[in-house]
N, C-alpha and C. Protein backbone atom coordinates (compact mmCIF):
# COMPACT_ATOMS: atom_id res chain seq x y z
N MET A 1 0.82 -1.16 0.07
CA MET A 1 0.07 0.07 0.02
C MET A 1 0.86 1.26 -0.04
N ASP A 2 0.61 2.22 -0.78
CA ASP A 2 1.33 3.43 -0.91
C ASP A 2 0.76 4.43 0.26
N THR A 3 1.74 4.75 1.19
CA THR A 3 1.31 5.54 2.26
C THR A 3 0.99 6.98 1.89
N HIS A 4 1.35 7.46 0.70
CA HIS A 4 1.12 8.79 0.25
C HIS A 4 -0.36 8.96 -0.14
N THR A 5 -1.04 7.83 -0.53
CA THR A 5 -2.43 7.86 -0.88
C THR A 5 -3.42 7.44 0.31
N THR A 6 -2.78 7.12 1.43
CA THR A 6 -3.72 6.79 2.51
C THR A 6 -3.90 7.99 3.40
N SER A 7 -5.16 8.18 3.79
CA SER A 7 -5.53 9.31 4.52
C SER A 7 -5.28 9.04 6.06
N ALA A 8 -4.66 9.99 6.70
CA ALA A 8 -4.35 9.86 8.03
C ALA A 8 -5.54 10.18 8.77
N THR A 9 -5.76 9.67 10.01
CA THR A 9 -6.99 9.91 10.83
C THR A 9 -6.49 10.74 12.05
N LEU A 10 -7.30 11.24 12.82
CA LEU A 10 -7.00 11.96 14.05
C LEU A 10 -6.23 10.88 14.99
N GLU A 11 -6.67 9.83 15.06
CA GLU A 11 -6.00 8.63 15.88
C GLU A 11 -4.61 8.36 15.40
N THR A 12 -4.35 8.22 14.06
CA THR A 12 -2.96 7.93 13.62
C THR A 12 -2.13 9.21 13.77
N LEU A 13 -2.73 10.39 13.75
CA LEU A 13 -1.91 11.64 13.92
C LEU A 13 -1.48 11.63 15.45
N MET A 14 -2.23 11.29 16.32
CA MET A 14 -1.90 11.37 17.81
C MET A 14 -0.72 10.32 17.94
N GLU A 15 -1.00 9.16 17.29
CA GLU A 15 0.05 8.12 17.45
C GLU A 15 1.36 8.59 16.90
N GLN A 16 1.43 9.33 15.83
CA GLN A 16 2.63 9.73 15.10
C GLN A 16 3.18 10.83 16.06
N LEU A 17 2.57 11.59 16.70
CA LEU A 17 2.95 12.47 17.60
C LEU A 17 3.48 11.97 19.00
N GLY A 18 3.26 10.68 19.11
CA GLY A 18 3.71 9.83 20.30
C GLY A 18 2.93 10.16 21.47
N LEU A 19 1.49 10.35 21.12
CA LEU A 19 0.47 10.51 22.32
C LEU A 19 -0.44 9.44 22.18
N PRO A 20 -1.19 9.17 23.33
CA PRO A 20 -2.35 8.17 23.24
C PRO A 20 -3.36 8.64 22.36
N ALA A 21 -3.99 7.63 21.60
CA ALA A 21 -4.90 7.95 20.53
C ALA A 21 -6.31 7.47 20.91
N ASP A 22 -6.52 6.84 21.94
CA ASP A 22 -7.89 6.39 22.26
C ASP A 22 -8.66 7.60 22.58
N ASP A 23 -10.05 7.49 22.47
CA ASP A 23 -11.04 8.55 22.53
C ASP A 23 -10.87 9.31 23.88
N ALA A 24 -10.72 8.50 24.97
CA ALA A 24 -10.62 9.21 26.31
C ALA A 24 -9.36 9.99 26.42
N SER A 25 -8.31 9.48 25.82
CA SER A 25 -7.06 10.32 25.90
C SER A 25 -7.04 11.54 24.96
N LEU A 26 -7.72 11.35 23.96
CA LEU A 26 -7.86 12.52 22.99
C LEU A 26 -8.75 13.51 23.69
N GLN A 27 -9.83 13.19 24.19
CA GLN A 27 -10.63 14.18 24.79
C GLN A 27 -10.03 14.96 25.91
N ARG A 28 -9.18 14.16 26.79
CA ARG A 28 -8.39 14.77 27.89
C ARG A 28 -7.38 15.69 27.25
N PHE A 29 -6.59 15.31 26.25
CA PHE A 29 -5.67 16.17 25.53
C PHE A 29 -6.32 17.36 25.22
N VAL A 30 -7.43 17.49 24.47
CA VAL A 30 -8.13 18.65 23.97
C VAL A 30 -8.61 19.49 25.22
N GLU A 31 -9.06 18.93 26.23
CA GLU A 31 -9.57 19.74 27.36
C GLU A 31 -8.39 20.33 28.12
N GLU A 32 -7.31 19.62 28.21
CA GLU A 32 -6.06 20.16 28.87
C GLU A 32 -5.39 21.29 28.08
N HIS A 33 -5.40 21.26 26.82
CA HIS A 33 -4.73 22.08 26.03
C HIS A 33 -5.51 23.22 25.22
N GLY A 34 -6.77 23.10 25.25
CA GLY A 34 -7.68 23.99 24.69
C GLY A 34 -8.18 24.94 25.61
N PRO A 35 -8.75 26.05 25.12
CA PRO A 35 -8.83 26.54 23.74
C PRO A 35 -7.57 27.15 23.31
N LEU A 36 -7.07 26.87 22.08
CA LEU A 36 -5.91 27.46 21.60
C LEU A 36 -6.31 28.89 21.21
N PRO A 37 -5.50 29.79 21.49
CA PRO A 37 -5.76 31.28 21.11
C PRO A 37 -5.78 31.40 19.61
N ALA A 38 -6.67 32.18 19.12
CA ALA A 38 -6.88 32.47 17.74
C ALA A 38 -5.49 32.92 17.04
N ALA A 39 -4.68 33.69 17.63
CA ALA A 39 -3.43 34.09 17.05
C ALA A 39 -2.32 33.09 17.09
N THR A 40 -2.46 31.96 17.81
CA THR A 40 -1.32 30.82 17.85
C THR A 40 -1.77 29.84 16.82
N ARG A 41 -0.74 29.62 15.90
CA ARG A 41 -0.80 28.37 14.99
C ARG A 41 -0.55 27.22 15.86
N ILE A 42 -1.26 26.21 15.44
CA ILE A 42 -1.31 24.85 16.13
C ILE A 42 0.15 24.37 16.37
N GLU A 43 1.05 24.53 15.18
CA GLU A 43 2.37 24.06 15.27
C GLU A 43 3.21 24.96 16.32
N ASP A 44 2.74 26.00 16.68
CA ASP A 44 3.50 26.98 17.49
C ASP A 44 2.97 26.89 18.98
N ALA A 45 2.07 26.07 19.30
CA ALA A 45 1.45 26.04 20.74
C ALA A 45 2.60 25.50 21.59
N SER A 46 2.60 26.08 22.75
CA SER A 46 3.68 25.78 23.76
C SER A 46 3.71 24.39 24.22
N PHE A 47 2.65 23.56 24.08
CA PHE A 47 2.51 22.21 24.74
C PHE A 47 3.41 21.20 23.80
N TRP A 48 3.73 21.51 22.54
CA TRP A 48 4.37 20.51 21.78
C TRP A 48 5.88 20.39 22.15
N SER A 49 6.43 19.40 21.92
CA SER A 49 7.85 19.21 21.82
C SER A 49 8.43 19.77 20.69
N THR A 50 9.76 19.83 20.48
CA THR A 50 10.45 20.43 19.36
C THR A 50 10.00 19.59 18.18
N ALA A 51 10.18 18.24 18.32
CA ALA A 51 9.91 17.17 17.18
C ALA A 51 8.56 17.21 16.91
N GLN A 52 7.45 17.31 17.81
CA GLN A 52 6.16 17.37 17.46
C GLN A 52 5.79 18.61 16.67
N SER A 53 6.28 19.81 17.05
CA SER A 53 6.05 21.09 16.33
C SER A 53 6.57 20.94 15.02
N LEU A 54 7.82 20.50 14.74
CA LEU A 54 8.50 20.37 13.44
C LEU A 54 7.59 19.46 12.56
N PHE A 55 7.15 18.27 13.09
CA PHE A 55 6.31 17.41 12.39
C PHE A 55 5.03 18.14 11.89
N LEU A 56 4.30 18.78 12.83
CA LEU A 56 3.17 19.51 12.41
C LEU A 56 3.37 20.64 11.32
N LYS A 57 4.49 21.21 11.44
CA LYS A 57 4.92 22.41 10.49
C LYS A 57 5.02 21.91 9.25
N GLU A 58 5.72 20.77 9.05
CA GLU A 58 6.03 20.14 7.88
C GLU A 58 4.91 19.46 7.12
N ALA A 59 4.03 18.94 8.01
CA ALA A 59 2.80 18.22 7.59
C ALA A 59 1.87 19.52 6.89
N ILE A 60 1.73 20.56 7.57
CA ILE A 60 0.99 21.71 6.95
C ILE A 60 1.59 22.28 5.77
N ALA A 61 2.91 22.66 5.80
CA ALA A 61 3.71 23.21 4.73
C ALA A 61 3.66 22.34 3.47
N GLN A 62 3.80 21.14 3.74
CA GLN A 62 3.71 20.19 2.40
C GLN A 62 2.49 19.69 1.92
N ASP A 63 1.29 20.12 2.73
CA ASP A 63 -0.05 19.68 2.49
C ASP A 63 -0.05 18.12 2.47
N ALA A 64 0.77 17.55 3.32
CA ALA A 64 0.91 16.06 3.45
C ALA A 64 -0.44 15.39 3.76
N MET A 65 -0.31 14.08 3.66
CA MET A 65 -1.46 13.26 4.05
C MET A 65 -2.01 13.51 5.46
N TRP A 66 -1.16 14.18 6.29
CA TRP A 66 -1.40 14.56 7.70
C TRP A 66 -2.26 15.77 7.82
N ALA A 67 -2.22 16.62 6.74
CA ALA A 67 -2.84 17.94 6.92
C ALA A 67 -4.36 17.86 7.29
N PRO A 68 -5.17 17.05 6.66
CA PRO A 68 -6.61 16.99 7.16
C PRO A 68 -6.68 16.63 8.68
N ALA A 69 -5.91 15.75 9.17
CA ALA A 69 -5.97 15.34 10.52
C ALA A 69 -5.47 16.49 11.36
N VAL A 70 -4.44 17.18 10.95
CA VAL A 70 -3.87 18.37 11.78
C VAL A 70 -4.96 19.41 11.79
N ASP A 71 -5.71 19.69 10.71
CA ASP A 71 -6.81 20.58 10.66
C ASP A 71 -7.83 20.27 11.63
N GLN A 72 -8.16 18.91 11.74
CA GLN A 72 -9.22 18.40 12.56
C GLN A 72 -8.77 18.58 14.11
N LEU A 73 -7.46 18.25 14.45
CA LEU A 73 -7.06 18.48 15.78
C LEU A 73 -7.05 20.04 16.15
N ASP A 74 -6.59 20.88 15.12
CA ASP A 74 -6.69 22.38 15.37
C ASP A 74 -8.00 22.86 15.61
N ALA A 75 -9.06 22.30 14.96
CA ALA A 75 -10.43 22.70 15.23
C ALA A 75 -10.88 22.37 16.50
N LEU A 76 -10.38 21.10 16.96
CA LEU A 76 -10.85 20.44 18.26
C LEU A 76 -10.30 21.47 19.42
N LEU A 77 -9.08 21.83 19.11
CA LEU A 77 -8.30 22.64 20.15
C LEU A 77 -8.89 23.96 20.26
N ARG A 78 -9.40 24.60 19.29
CA ARG A 78 -9.94 25.84 19.29
C ARG A 78 -11.42 25.93 19.76
N ASN A 79 -12.08 24.85 19.55
CA ASN A 79 -13.62 24.87 20.00
C ASN A 79 -13.86 24.25 21.28
N THR A 80 -12.86 24.32 22.28
CA THR A 80 -13.21 23.68 23.49
C THR A 80 -13.70 24.62 24.58
């Protein structure tokens, strides 16, 4: 299977970031870190490690397969 044609999910994004991906953990993450201020880009949020921030930045810049999942996480973090 070509990974470039596979869509990433919110769960696989969390796993890629080294975070728990189950529903309860995701909800807890959003509650702990949201709401994200409107002026803060998701990749610049203070709670990411350097590696996580870089991954998010690259995913957005390259409009990679991760971009829709990053957008979904961004929306969740802003709407808490």
